[in-house]
């Protein structure tokens, strides 16, 4: 059951267009898509690259896939890469028909426009892109949530190779999914696309997983967090490594972890008062411990993790952004 919960969220990101009406439930109005356009130099031809893939190479030093000449094939390769990073290397082949259906249904809601005045303006970068002074950012797309329409500027689309075109499709789907989770800028969606279209650079989700470890899957108000926890002794302190595969419905597709000072967990299962939930109650006598550590890795890098370990109370986990927004605030449940 735990695997199905995590796995289902991963599917929702790539296949949200299969049930587009359900995916479009959310508070926002839309989101853009951008390219980096650079003029020709004596050493390089003119280039137009999706911002997500530009940042993959320049910010993360990832090696990006090569265009195959087929949008559908490049989109499939990115899905295959995503599942491989998540630990499901054979899954994309099994789901090839669903992946092909996803991209076909996406293009049914695309409206190509020939004039920038027909493209709604977006300014949702979040972290400001760093590009060379001779290059410029150009908006290529806008996903209007209200009308269920993706506007794409034809003149820029025609300059992209199939890999960048497929990556734009993924960007629009992922950013729409993130907006439904409360995101109001595209940075984390761009990071996801950068990982999904890499061939070298990101570490797989379970890379370096310490042993022994215990897996927890936490469901709170329908949102899922899944992590493995192991304990060690580092720099004179007892440390818990929390390695996440999913954080509050955000599926991780690269190693994401926090090393946080913590006693070795001594927990017991109790039913929460006036509830049928089984909580993980701290049973170590006279231990009150609250600690915070940064979330490490190449995804959600501006977040921190707080662990509350207080005798007689449920073990509590919080994940918060640098701006103060709370992504996760859960009491752990279902311990054994």
C-alpha atoms as a PDB file:
ATOM      1  CA  UNK A   1       0.000   0.000   0.000  1.00  0.00           C
ATOM      2  CA  UNK A   2       2.819   2.413   0.809  1.00  0.00           C
ATOM      3  CA  UNK A   3       4.413   1.851  -2.588  1.00  0.00           C
ATOM      4  CA  UNK A   4       1.103   2.471  -4.316  1.00  0.00           C
ATOM      5  CA  UNK A   5       0.664   5.787  -2.527  1.00  0.00           C
ATOM      6  CA  UNK A   6       4.062   7.118  -3.584  1.00  0.00           C
ATOM      7  CA  UNK A   7       3.815   5.585  -7.036  1.00  0.00           C
ATOM      8  CA  UNK A   8       0.387   7.109  -7.640  1.00  0.00           C
ATOM      9  CA  UNK A   9       1.710  10.617  -7.077  1.00  0.00           C
ATOM     10  CA  UNK A  10       4.543  10.032  -9.523  1.00  0.00           C
ATOM     11  CA  UNK A  11       1.990   9.002 -12.125  1.00  0.00           C
ATOM     12  CA  UNK A  12      -0.167  12.055 -11.479  1.00  0.00           C
ATOM     13  CA  UNK A  13       2.674  14.344 -12.501  1.00  0.00           C
ATOM     14  CA  UNK A  14       3.265  12.786 -15.904  1.00  0.00           C
ATOM     15  CA  UNK A  15      -0.283  11.703 -16.635  1.00  0.00           C
ATOM     16  CA  UNK A  16      -2.284  14.610 -15.245  1.00  0.00           C
ATOM     17  CA  UNK A  17      -3.537  15.297 -18.770  1.00  0.00           C
ATOM     18  CA  UNK A  18      -5.352  11.942 -18.769  1.00  0.00           C
ATOM     19  CA  UNK A  19      -7.833  13.481 -16.349  1.00  0.00           C
ATOM     20  CA  UNK A  20      -7.218  17.111 -17.131  1.00  0.00           C
ATOM     21  CA  UNK A  21     -10.409  18.437 -15.595  1.00  0.00           C
ATOM     22  CA  UNK A  22      -9.444  16.985 -12.214  1.00  0.00           C
ATOM     23  CA  UNK A  23      -5.915  18.306 -12.553  1.00  0.00           C
ATOM     24  CA  UNK A  24      -7.170  21.827 -13.173  1.00  0.00           C
ATOM     25  CA  UNK A  25      -8.723  22.174  -9.734  1.00  0.00           C
ATOM     26  CA  UNK A  26      -6.667  24.802  -7.935  1.00  0.00           C
ATOM     27  CA  UNK A  27      -6.393  28.395  -6.832  1.00  0.00           C
ATOM     28  CA  UNK A  28      -4.199  29.852  -9.557  1.00  0.00           C
ATOM     29  CA  UNK A  29      -4.940  31.324 -12.962  1.00  0.00           C
ATOM     30  CA  UNK A  30      -2.051  30.063 -15.044  1.00  0.00           C
ATOM     31  CA  UNK A  31       1.666  29.767 -15.587  1.00  0.00           C
ATOM     32  CA  UNK A  32       4.210  30.530 -18.259  1.00  0.00           C
ATOM     33  CA  UNK A  33       7.062  28.852 -20.057  1.00  0.00           C
ATOM     34  CA  UNK A  34      10.291  30.552 -21.170  1.00  0.00           C
ATOM     35  CA  UNK A  35      13.273  30.041 -23.431  1.00  0.00           C
ATOM     36  CA  UNK A  36      16.791  31.462 -23.456  1.00  0.00           C
ATOM     37  CA  UNK A  37      17.701  32.889 -26.881  1.00  0.00           C
ATOM     38  CA  UNK A  38      21.356  33.583 -27.643  1.00  0.00           C
ATOM     39  CA  UNK A  39      22.739  35.094 -30.851  1.00  0.00           C
ATOM     40  CA  UNK A  40      25.352  33.417 -33.000  1.00  0.00           C
ATOM     41  CA  UNK A  41      29.034  33.903 -32.125  1.00  0.00           C
ATOM     42  CA  UNK A  42      32.193  33.063 -34.114  1.00  0.00           C
ATOM     43  CA  UNK A  43      32.291  29.743 -32.200  1.00  0.00           C
ATOM     44  CA  UNK A  44      28.604  28.912 -31.701  1.00  0.00           C
ATOM     45  CA  UNK A  45      25.446  29.114 -33.826  1.00  0.00           C
ATOM     46  CA  UNK A  46      22.385  30.963 -32.565  1.00  0.00           C
ATOM     47  CA  UNK A  47      20.567  28.921 -29.915  1.00  0.00           C
ATOM     48  CA  UNK A  48      17.068  28.829 -28.458  1.00  0.00           C
ATOM     49  CA  UNK A  49      16.795  26.541 -25.406  1.00  0.00           C
ATOM     50  CA  UNK A  50      14.011  25.975 -22.896  1.00  0.00           C
ATOM     51  CA  UNK A  51      14.946  27.746 -19.654  1.00  0.00           C
ATOM     52  CA  UNK A  52      14.593  24.490 -17.688  1.00  0.00           C
ATOM     53  CA  UNK A  53      17.244  22.734 -19.792  1.00  0.00           C
ATOM     54  CA  UNK A  54      19.499  25.793 -19.860  1.00  0.00           C
ATOM     55  CA  UNK A  55      19.483  25.843 -16.047  1.00  0.00           C
ATOM     56  CA  UNK A  56      20.052  22.071 -15.955  1.00  0.00           C
ATOM     57  CA  UNK A  57      23.410  22.542 -17.645  1.00  0.00           C
ATOM     58  CA  UNK A  58      24.457  25.929 -16.295  1.00  0.00           C
ATOM     59  CA  UNK A  59      23.155  25.772 -12.711  1.00  0.00           C
ATOM     60  CA  UNK A  60      23.276  22.027 -11.933  1.00  0.00           C
ATOM     61  CA  UNK A  61      25.976  20.862 -14.371  1.00  0.00           C
ATOM     62  CA  UNK A  62      23.743  18.035 -15.580  1.00  0.00           C
ATOM     63  CA  UNK A  63      24.326  16.329 -18.913  1.00  0.00           C
ATOM     64  CA  UNK A  64      21.132  16.595 -20.946  1.00  0.00           C
ATOM     65  CA  UNK A  65      19.639  14.076 -23.389  1.00  0.00           C
ATOM     66  CA  UNK A  66      20.054  14.494 -27.127  1.00  0.00           C
ATOM     67  CA  UNK A  67      17.042  15.200 -29.320  1.00  0.00           C
ATOM     68  CA  UNK A  68      15.763  12.127 -31.159  1.00  0.00           C
ATOM     69  CA  UNK A  69      13.705  13.949 -33.793  1.00  0.00           C
ATOM     70  CA  UNK A  70      10.426  12.788 -32.218  1.00  0.00           C
ATOM     71  CA  UNK A  71       8.609  14.755 -29.495  1.00  0.00           C
ATOM     72  CA  UNK A  72       6.789  11.634 -28.322  1.00  0.00           C
ATOM     73  CA  UNK A  73      10.023   9.628 -28.076  1.00  0.00           C
ATOM     74  CA  UNK A  74      11.842  12.389 -26.180  1.00  0.00           C
ATOM     75  CA  UNK A  75       8.894  12.743 -23.804  1.00  0.00           C
ATOM     76  CA  UNK A  76       8.935   8.976 -23.278  1.00  0.00           C
ATOM     77  CA  UNK A  77      12.686   9.050 -22.556  1.00  0.00           C
ATOM     78  CA  UNK A  78      12.137  11.666 -19.857  1.00  0.00           C
ATOM     79  CA  UNK A  79       9.407   9.545 -18.246  1.00  0.00           C
ATOM     80  CA  UNK A  80      11.730   6.545 -18.351  1.00  0.00           C
ATOM     81  CA  UNK A  81      14.511   8.603 -16.764  1.00  0.00           C
ATOM     82  CA  UNK A  82      12.160   9.813 -14.030  1.00  0.00           C
ATOM     83  CA  UNK A  83      11.061   6.328 -13.067  1.00  0.00           C
ATOM     84  CA  UNK A  84      14.655   5.069 -13.152  1.00  0.00           C
ATOM     85  CA  UNK A  85      15.716   7.799 -10.719  1.00  0.00           C
ATOM     86  CA  UNK A  86      12.800   6.814  -8.481  1.00  0.00           C
ATOM     87  CA  UNK A  87      13.838   3.158  -8.490  1.00  0.00           C
ATOM     88  CA  UNK A  88      11.384   1.815 -11.112  1.00  0.00           C
ATOM     89  CA  UNK A  89      13.694   1.289 -14.132  1.00  0.00           C
ATOM     90  CA  UNK A  90      11.304  -0.929 -16.122  1.00  0.00           C
ATOM     91  CA  UNK A  91       8.112   1.011 -15.530  1.00  0.00           C
ATOM     92  CA  UNK A  92       8.029   3.360 -18.518  1.00  0.00           C
ATOM     93  CA  UNK A  93       8.083   0.475 -20.993  1.00  0.00           C
ATOM     94  CA  UNK A  94       5.090  -1.076 -19.280  1.00  0.00           C
ATOM     95  CA  UNK A  95       3.255   2.259 -19.437  1.00  0.00           C
ATOM     96  CA  UNK A  96       4.267   3.311 -22.952  1.00  0.00           C
ATOM     97  CA  UNK A  97       0.657   3.426 -24.197  1.00  0.00           C
ATOM     98  CA  UNK A  98      -0.402   5.645 -21.282  1.00  0.00           C
ATOM     99  CA  UNK A  99       2.579   7.945 -21.848  1.00  0.00           C
ATOM    100  CA  UNK A 100       1.732   8.287 -25.550  1.00  0.00           C
ATOM    101  CA  UNK A 101      -1.899   9.003 -24.657  1.00  0.00           C
ATOM    102  CA  UNK A 102      -0.796  11.663 -22.198  1.00  0.00           C
ATOM    103  CA  UNK A 103       1.154  13.706 -24.728  1.00  0.00           C
ATOM    104  CA  UNK A 104      -1.583  13.358 -27.384  1.00  0.00           C
ATOM    105  CA  UNK A 105      -4.214  14.659 -24.984  1.00  0.00           C
ATOM    106  CA  UNK A 106      -1.941  17.512 -23.977  1.00  0.00           C
ATOM    107  CA  UNK A 107      -1.725  18.736 -27.577  1.00  0.00           C
ATOM    108  CA  UNK A 108      -5.508  18.741 -27.808  1.00  0.00           C
ATOM    109  CA  UNK A 109      -5.559  21.747 -25.476  1.00  0.00           C
ATOM    110  CA  UNK A 110      -2.651  23.573 -27.159  1.00  0.00           C
ATOM    111  CA  UNK A 111      -3.447  26.703 -29.154  1.00  0.00           C
ATOM    112  CA  UNK A 112      -0.589  27.985 -31.304  1.00  0.00           C
ATOM    113  CA  UNK A 113      -0.552  31.778 -31.709  1.00  0.00           C
ATOM    114  CA  UNK A 114       1.410  33.914 -34.145  1.00  0.00           C
ATOM    115  CA  UNK A 115       1.575  37.202 -32.258  1.00  0.00           C
ATOM    116  CA  UNK A 116       2.925  37.951 -28.778  1.00  0.00           C
ATOM    117  CA  UNK A 117      -0.191  40.025 -28.040  1.00  0.00           C
ATOM    118  CA  UNK A 118      -2.177  36.774 -28.171  1.00  0.00           C
ATOM    119  CA  UNK A 119       0.041  35.213 -25.500  1.00  0.00           C
ATOM    120  CA  UNK A 120      -0.963  36.092 -21.910  1.00  0.00           C
ATOM    121  CA  UNK A 121       2.013  37.583 -20.076  1.00  0.00           C
ATOM    122  CA  UNK A 122       3.639  35.590 -17.246  1.00  0.00           C
ATOM    123  CA  UNK A 123       6.284  36.638 -14.750  1.00  0.00           C
ATOM    124  CA  UNK A 124       6.526  33.650 -12.460  1.00  0.00           C
ATOM    125  CA  UNK A 125      10.247  32.844 -12.384  1.00  0.00           C
ATOM    126  CA  UNK A 126      10.662  32.716  -8.622  1.00  0.00           C
ATOM    127  CA  UNK A 127      14.436  32.453  -8.464  1.00  0.00           C
ATOM    128  CA  UNK A 128      15.614  34.864 -11.154  1.00  0.00           C
ATOM    129  CA  UNK A 129      17.369  33.079 -14.030  1.00  0.00           C
ATOM    130  CA  UNK A 130      21.033  33.910 -14.568  1.00  0.00           C
ATOM    131  CA  UNK A 131      21.762  34.231 -18.266  1.00  0.00           C
ATOM    132  CA  UNK A 132      24.588  35.869 -20.272  1.00  0.00           C
ATOM    133  CA  UNK A 133      24.133  39.555 -21.079  1.00  0.00           C
ATOM    134  CA  UNK A 134      24.029  38.865 -24.833  1.00  0.00           C
ATOM    135  CA  UNK A 135      21.117  36.450 -24.401  1.00  0.00           C
ATOM    136  CA  UNK A 136      17.487  37.164 -23.619  1.00  0.00           C
ATOM    137  CA  UNK A 137      14.537  35.454 -21.945  1.00  0.00           C
ATOM    138  CA  UNK A 138      11.501  35.045 -24.162  1.00  0.00           C
ATOM    139  CA  UNK A 139       8.107  33.734 -23.180  1.00  0.00           C
ATOM    140  CA  UNK A 140       6.952  30.850 -25.341  1.00  0.00           C
ATOM    141  CA  UNK A 141       3.873  29.509 -23.533  1.00  0.00           C
ATOM    142  CA  UNK A 142       1.097  30.201 -21.076  1.00  0.00           C
ATOM    143  CA  UNK A 143      -1.153  27.573 -19.487  1.00  0.00           C
ATOM    144  CA  UNK A 144      -4.485  29.282 -18.780  1.00  0.00           C
ATOM    145  CA  UNK A 145      -6.164  27.245 -16.069  1.00  0.00           C
ATOM    146  CA  UNK A 146      -9.592  28.816 -16.460  1.00  0.00           C
ATOM    147  CA  UNK A 147     -10.004  28.035 -20.160  1.00  0.00           C
ATOM    148  CA  UNK A 148      -7.962  24.805 -20.051  1.00  0.00           C
ATOM    149  CA  UNK A 149      -5.833  26.142 -22.886  1.00  0.00           C
ATOM    150  CA  UNK A 150      -2.059  26.157 -23.379  1.00  0.00           C
ATOM    151  CA  UNK A 151      -1.069  29.085 -25.600  1.00  0.00           C
ATOM    152  CA  UNK A 152       2.214  28.514 -27.469  1.00  0.00           C
ATOM    153  CA  UNK A 153       4.015  31.088 -29.616  1.00  0.00           C
ATOM    154  CA  UNK A 154       4.539  29.393 -32.970  1.00  0.00           C
ATOM    155  CA  UNK A 155       7.632  31.378 -34.051  1.00  0.00           C
ATOM    156  CA  UNK A 156       9.638  30.283 -30.986  1.00  0.00           C
ATOM    157  CA  UNK A 157       8.244  26.740 -30.963  1.00  0.00           C
ATOM    158  CA  UNK A 158       9.565  26.275 -34.504  1.00  0.00           C
ATOM    159  CA  UNK A 159      13.092  27.133 -33.311  1.00  0.00           C
ATOM    160  CA  UNK A 160      13.147  24.350 -30.709  1.00  0.00           C
ATOM    161  CA  UNK A 161      14.379  20.832 -31.363  1.00  0.00           C
ATOM    162  CA  UNK A 162      12.170  17.916 -30.326  1.00  0.00           C
ATOM    163  CA  UNK A 163      13.873  17.533 -26.942  1.00  0.00           C
ATOM    164  CA  UNK A 164      13.123  21.135 -25.977  1.00  0.00           C
ATOM    165  CA  UNK A 165       9.567  20.815 -27.308  1.00  0.00           C
ATOM    166  CA  UNK A 166       8.997  17.691 -25.199  1.00  0.00           C
ATOM    167  CA  UNK A 167      10.534  19.419 -22.184  1.00  0.00           C
ATOM    168  CA  UNK A 168       8.104  22.315 -22.609  1.00  0.00           C
ATOM    169  CA  UNK A 169       5.209  19.824 -22.503  1.00  0.00           C
ATOM    170  CA  UNK A 170       6.592  18.346 -19.286  1.00  0.00           C
ATOM    171  CA  UNK A 171       7.135  21.817 -17.822  1.00  0.00           C
ATOM    172  CA  UNK A 172       3.540  22.850 -18.423  1.00  0.00           C
ATOM    173  CA  UNK A 173       2.154  19.619 -16.933  1.00  0.00           C
ATOM    174  CA  UNK A 174       4.437  19.683 -13.878  1.00  0.00           C
ATOM    175  CA  UNK A 175       3.985  23.395 -13.195  1.00  0.00           C
ATOM    176  CA  UNK A 176       0.214  22.944 -13.397  1.00  0.00           C
ATOM    177  CA  UNK A 177       0.466  20.123 -10.885  1.00  0.00           C
ATOM    178  CA  UNK A 178       2.622  22.291  -8.595  1.00  0.00           C
ATOM    179  CA  UNK A 179       0.181  25.188  -8.824  1.00  0.00           C
ATOM    180  CA  UNK A 180      -2.542  22.854  -7.574  1.00  0.00           C
ATOM    181  CA  UNK A 181      -0.271  22.251  -4.546  1.00  0.00           C
ATOM    182  CA  UNK A 182       0.025  25.984  -3.887  1.00  0.00           C
ATOM    183  CA  UNK A 183       3.132  26.969  -5.897  1.00  0.00           C
ATOM    184  CA  UNK A 184       3.070  30.454  -7.400  1.00  0.00           C
ATOM    185  CA  UNK A 185       6.366  30.379  -9.306  1.00  0.00           C
ATOM    186  CA  UNK A 186       7.936  27.957 -11.738  1.00  0.00           C
ATOM    187  CA  UNK A 187      11.363  27.359 -10.182  1.00  0.00           C
ATOM    188  CA  UNK A 188      10.652  23.950  -8.630  1.00  0.00           C
ATOM    189  CA  UNK A 189       8.904  22.835 -11.821  1.00  0.00           C
ATOM    190  CA  UNK A 190      11.992  23.852 -13.815  1.00  0.00           C
ATOM    191  CA  UNK A 191      14.158  21.867 -11.410  1.00  0.00           C
ATOM    192  CA  UNK A 192      11.955  18.799 -11.930  1.00  0.00           C
ATOM    193  CA  UNK A 193      12.261  19.091 -15.722  1.00  0.00           C
ATOM    194  CA  UNK A 194      16.039  19.542 -15.448  1.00  0.00           C
ATOM    195  CA  UNK A 195      16.274  16.218 -13.619  1.00  0.00           C
ATOM    196  CA  UNK A 196      13.806  14.391 -15.882  1.00  0.00           C
ATOM    197  CA  UNK A 197      15.760  15.261 -19.048  1.00  0.00           C
ATOM    198  CA  UNK A 198      19.218  14.472 -17.695  1.00  0.00           C
ATOM    199  CA  UNK A 199      21.402  11.517 -18.560  1.00  0.00           C
ATOM    200  CA  UNK A 200      24.088  12.282 -15.993  1.00  0.00           C
ATOM    201  CA  UNK A 201      24.220  14.331 -12.817  1.00  0.00           C
ATOM    202  CA  UNK A 202      21.279  13.647 -10.478  1.00  0.00           C
ATOM    203  CA  UNK A 203      21.664  10.975  -7.824  1.00  0.00           C
ATOM    204  CA  UNK A 204      18.777   8.434  -7.684  1.00  0.00           C
ATOM    205  CA  UNK A 205      16.271   8.767  -4.847  1.00  0.00           C
ATOM    206  CA  UNK A 206      17.612   5.744  -2.950  1.00  0.00           C
ATOM    207  CA  UNK A 207      21.281   6.465  -3.639  1.00  0.00           C
ATOM    208  CA  UNK A 208      23.453   5.848  -0.564  1.00  0.00           C
ATOM    209  CA  UNK A 209      20.497   4.747   1.542  1.00  0.00           C
ATOM    210  CA  UNK A 210      21.913   3.814   4.933  1.00  0.00           C
ATOM    211  CA  UNK A 211      21.231   0.463   6.599  1.00  0.00           C
ATOM    212  CA  UNK A 212      19.462  -0.438   8.740  1.00  0.00           C
ATOM    213  CA  UNK A 213      16.615   1.947   8.065  1.00  0.00           C
ATOM    214  CA  UNK A 214      12.880   2.165   8.602  1.00  0.00           C
ATOM    215  CA  UNK A 215      10.388   3.432   6.055  1.00  0.00           C
ATOM    216  CA  UNK A 216       7.534   5.757   7.003  1.00  0.00           C
ATOM    217  CA  UNK A 217       4.633   6.833   4.821  1.00  0.00           C
ATOM    218  CA  UNK A 218       2.551   9.632   6.291  1.00  0.00           C
ATOM    219  CA  UNK A 219      -0.842  10.698   4.933  1.00  0.00           C
ATOM    220  CA  UNK A 220      -2.246  13.989   6.200  1.00  0.00           C
ATOM    221  CA  UNK A 221      -5.345  15.557   4.626  1.00  0.00           C
ATOM    222  CA  UNK A 222      -4.770  13.346   1.591  1.00  0.00           C
ATOM    223  CA  UNK A 223      -1.184  14.527   1.044  1.00  0.00           C
ATOM    224  CA  UNK A 224       1.584  11.964   1.208  1.00  0.00           C
ATOM    225  CA  UNK A 225       5.112  12.094   2.616  1.00  0.00           C
ATOM    226  CA  UNK A 226       7.375   9.055   2.348  1.00  0.00           C
ATOM    227  CA  UNK A 227      10.862   8.686   3.818  1.00  0.00           C
ATOM    228  CA  UNK A 228      13.455   6.246   5.085  1.00  0.00           C
ATOM    229  CA  UNK A 229      15.079   6.911   8.447  1.00  0.00           C
ATOM    230  CA  UNK A 230      18.390   5.587   9.769  1.00  0.00           C
ATOM    231  CA  UNK A 231      20.467   6.536  12.802  1.00  0.00           C
ATOM    232  CA  UNK A 232      24.204   7.046  13.076  1.00  0.00           C
ATOM    233  CA  UNK A 233      26.895   8.710  15.161  1.00  0.00           C
ATOM    234  CA  UNK A 234      28.545  11.731  13.546  1.00  0.00           C
ATOM    235  CA  UNK A 235      30.772  14.407  15.035  1.00  0.00           C
ATOM    236  CA  UNK A 236      29.975  13.254  18.545  1.00  0.00           C
ATOM    237  CA  UNK A 237      26.210  13.487  18.057  1.00  0.00           C
ATOM    238  CA  UNK A 238      23.512  10.910  17.412  1.00  0.00           C
ATOM    239  CA  UNK A 239      22.095  11.811  14.010  1.00  0.00           C
ATOM    240  CA  UNK A 240      19.022  10.725  12.112  1.00  0.00           C
ATOM    241  CA  UNK A 241      19.221  10.670   8.322  1.00  0.00           C
ATOM    242  CA  UNK A 242      15.832  11.353   6.777  1.00  0.00           C
ATOM    243  CA  UNK A 243      15.908  10.384   3.084  1.00  0.00           C
ATOM    244  CA  UNK A 244      12.732  11.314   1.226  1.00  0.00           C
ATOM    245  CA  UNK A 245      11.040   9.780  -1.806  1.00  0.00           C
ATOM    246  CA  UNK A 246       8.052  12.122  -1.519  1.00  0.00           C
ATOM    247  CA  UNK A 247       7.335  15.296   0.424  1.00  0.00           C
ATOM    248  CA  UNK A 248       3.751  16.477   0.751  1.00  0.00           C
ATOM    249  CA  UNK A 249       2.749  15.175  -2.708  1.00  0.00           C
ATOM    250  CA  UNK A 250       5.980  16.429  -4.335  1.00  0.00           C
ATOM    251  CA  UNK A 251       7.556  13.295  -5.844  1.00  0.00           C
ATOM    252  CA  UNK A 252      11.331  13.392  -5.474  1.00  0.00           C
ATOM    253  CA  UNK A 253      13.285  12.231  -8.513  1.00  0.00           C
ATOM    254  CA  UNK A 254      16.733  12.680  -6.976  1.00  0.00           C
ATOM    255  CA  UNK A 255      18.376  11.959  -3.635  1.00  0.00           C
ATOM    256  CA  UNK A 256      16.846  14.336  -1.071  1.00  0.00           C
ATOM    257  CA  UNK A 257      17.794  14.106   2.579  1.00  0.00           C
ATOM    258  CA  UNK A 258      18.433  15.848   5.883  1.00  0.00           C
ATOM    259  CA  UNK A 259      20.945  14.847   8.559  1.00  0.00           C
ATOM    260  CA  UNK A 260      19.460  16.070  11.806  1.00  0.00           C
ATOM    261  CA  UNK A 261      20.579  15.662  15.432  1.00  0.00           C
ATOM    262  CA  UNK A 262      18.225  13.281  17.182  1.00  0.00           C
ATOM    263  CA  UNK A 263      18.149  10.604  19.869  1.00  0.00           C
ATOM    264  CA  UNK A 264      17.726   7.048  18.664  1.00  0.00           C
ATOM    265  CA  UNK A 265      13.977   6.709  18.328  1.00  0.00           C
ATOM    266  CA  UNK A 266      12.120   4.795  21.008  1.00  0.00           C
ATOM    267  CA  UNK A 267       8.507   4.882  19.919  1.00  0.00           C
ATOM    268  CA  UNK A 268       5.297   3.107  20.778  1.00  0.00           C
ATOM    269  CA  UNK A 269       2.057   2.958  18.860  1.00  0.00           C
ATOM    270  CA  UNK A 270      -1.009   4.566  20.418  1.00  0.00           C
ATOM    271  CA  UNK A 271      -4.348   5.622  19.046  1.00  0.00           C
ATOM    272  CA  UNK A 272      -4.775   9.374  18.881  1.00  0.00           C
ATOM    273  CA  UNK A 273      -7.448  10.697  21.221  1.00  0.00           C
ATOM    274  CA  UNK A 274     -10.877  10.808  19.525  1.00  0.00           C
ATOM    275  CA  UNK A 275      -9.368   9.335  16.384  1.00  0.00           C
ATOM    276  CA  UNK A 276      -8.584   6.002  14.763  1.00  0.00           C
ATOM    277  CA  UNK A 277      -5.088   7.132  13.726  1.00  0.00           C
ATOM    278  CA  UNK A 278      -2.166   5.189  15.156  1.00  0.00           C
ATOM    279  CA  UNK A 279       0.460   7.684  16.312  1.00  0.00           C
ATOM    280  CA  UNK A 280       4.172   7.167  17.012  1.00  0.00           C
ATOM    281  CA  UNK A 281       4.521   8.301  20.632  1.00  0.00           C
ATOM    282  CA  UNK A 282       7.973   9.086  22.065  1.00  0.00           C
ATOM    283  CA  UNK A 283       8.512   6.788  25.032  1.00  0.00           C
ATOM    284  CA  UNK A 284      12.104   7.741  26.021  1.00  0.00           C
ATOM    285  CA  UNK A 285      11.858   9.262  29.526  1.00  0.00           C
ATOM    286  CA  UNK A 286      12.689  12.936  30.024  1.00  0.00           C
ATOM    287  CA  UNK A 287      13.782  13.662  26.450  1.00  0.00           C
ATOM    288  CA  UNK A 288      12.664  16.921  24.867  1.00  0.00           C
ATOM    289  CA  UNK A 289      14.513  17.505  21.621  1.00  0.00           C
ATOM    290  CA  UNK A 290      13.743  19.899  18.758  1.00  0.00           C
ATOM    291  CA  UNK A 291      16.257  20.264  15.919  1.00  0.00           C
ATOM    292  CA  UNK A 292      16.349  21.785  12.427  1.00  0.00           C
ATOM    293  CA  UNK A 293      18.609  20.984   9.476  1.00  0.00           C
ATOM    294  CA  UNK A 294      18.708  22.007   5.798  1.00  0.00           C
ATOM    295  CA  UNK A 295      17.187  19.746   3.175  1.00  0.00           C
ATOM    296  CA  UNK A 296      20.073  18.564   0.997  1.00  0.00           C
ATOM    297  CA  UNK A 297      20.204  17.488  -2.632  1.00  0.00           C
ATOM    298  CA  UNK A 298      19.273  19.117  -5.919  1.00  0.00           C
ATOM    299  CA  UNK A 299      15.509  19.367  -5.341  1.00  0.00           C
ATOM    300  CA  UNK A 300      13.703  21.734  -2.917  1.00  0.00           C
ATOM    301  CA  UNK A 301      17.121  23.084  -1.904  1.00  0.00           C
ATOM    302  CA  UNK A 302      15.690  26.144  -0.152  1.00  0.00           C
ATOM    303  CA  UNK A 303      13.832  24.050   2.435  1.00  0.00           C
ATOM    304  CA  UNK A 304      14.611  22.931   5.973  1.00  0.00           C
ATOM    305  CA  UNK A 305      13.455  20.003   8.119  1.00  0.00           C
ATOM    306  CA  UNK A 306      12.464  20.268  11.786  1.00  0.00           C
ATOM    307  CA  UNK A 307      12.065  17.230  14.022  1.00  0.00           C
ATOM    308  CA  UNK A 308      10.242  17.418  17.360  1.00  0.00           C
ATOM    309  CA  UNK A 309      11.028  14.507  19.710  1.00  0.00           C
ATOM    310  CA  UNK A 310       9.235  15.131  23.011  1.00  0.00           C
ATOM    311  CA  UNK A 311       8.514  12.489  25.637  1.00  0.00           C
ATOM    312  CA  UNK A 312       4.871  11.418  25.659  1.00  0.00           C
ATOM    313  CA  UNK A 313       3.991  13.191  22.406  1.00  0.00           C
ATOM    314  CA  UNK A 314       3.864  12.016  18.776  1.00  0.00           C
ATOM    315  CA  UNK A 315       7.042  12.393  16.765  1.00  0.00           C
ATOM    316  CA  UNK A 316       6.538  15.475  14.599  1.00  0.00           C
ATOM    317  CA  UNK A 317       8.098  16.348  11.236  1.00  0.00           C
ATOM    318  CA  UNK A 318       7.981  19.745   9.541  1.00  0.00           C
ATOM    319  CA  UNK A 319       9.377  20.820   6.144  1.00  0.00           C
ATOM    320  CA  UNK A 320       9.483  24.570   5.509  1.00  0.00           C
ATOM    321  CA  UNK A 321      10.783  26.838   2.743  1.00  0.00           C
ATOM    322  CA  UNK A 322      13.238  29.667   3.323  1.00  0.00           C
ATOM    323  CA  UNK A 323      10.353  32.075   2.725  1.00  0.00           C
ATOM    324  CA  UNK A 324       8.437  30.526   5.625  1.00  0.00           C
ATOM    325  CA  UNK A 325       5.804  28.514   3.792  1.00  0.00           C
ATOM    326  CA  UNK A 326       5.079  25.132   5.367  1.00  0.00           C
ATOM    327  CA  UNK A 327       5.190  22.227   2.933  1.00  0.00           C
ATOM    328  CA  UNK A 328       4.742  19.456   5.509  1.00  0.00           C
ATOM    329  CA  UNK A 329       3.715  19.486   9.171  1.00  0.00           C
ATOM    330  CA  UNK A 330       2.944  15.892  10.202  1.00  0.00           C
ATOM    331  CA  UNK A 331       2.866  13.705  13.258  1.00  0.00           C
ATOM    332  CA  UNK A 332       4.357  10.337  12.327  1.00  0.00           C
ATOM    333  CA  UNK A 333       1.897   7.465  12.357  1.00  0.00           C
ATOM    334  CA  UNK A 334       1.914   3.722  11.826  1.00  0.00           C
ATOM    335  CA  UNK A 335       5.214   2.939  13.549  1.00  0.00           C
ATOM    336  CA  UNK A 336       6.065  -0.648  14.500  1.00  0.00           C
END
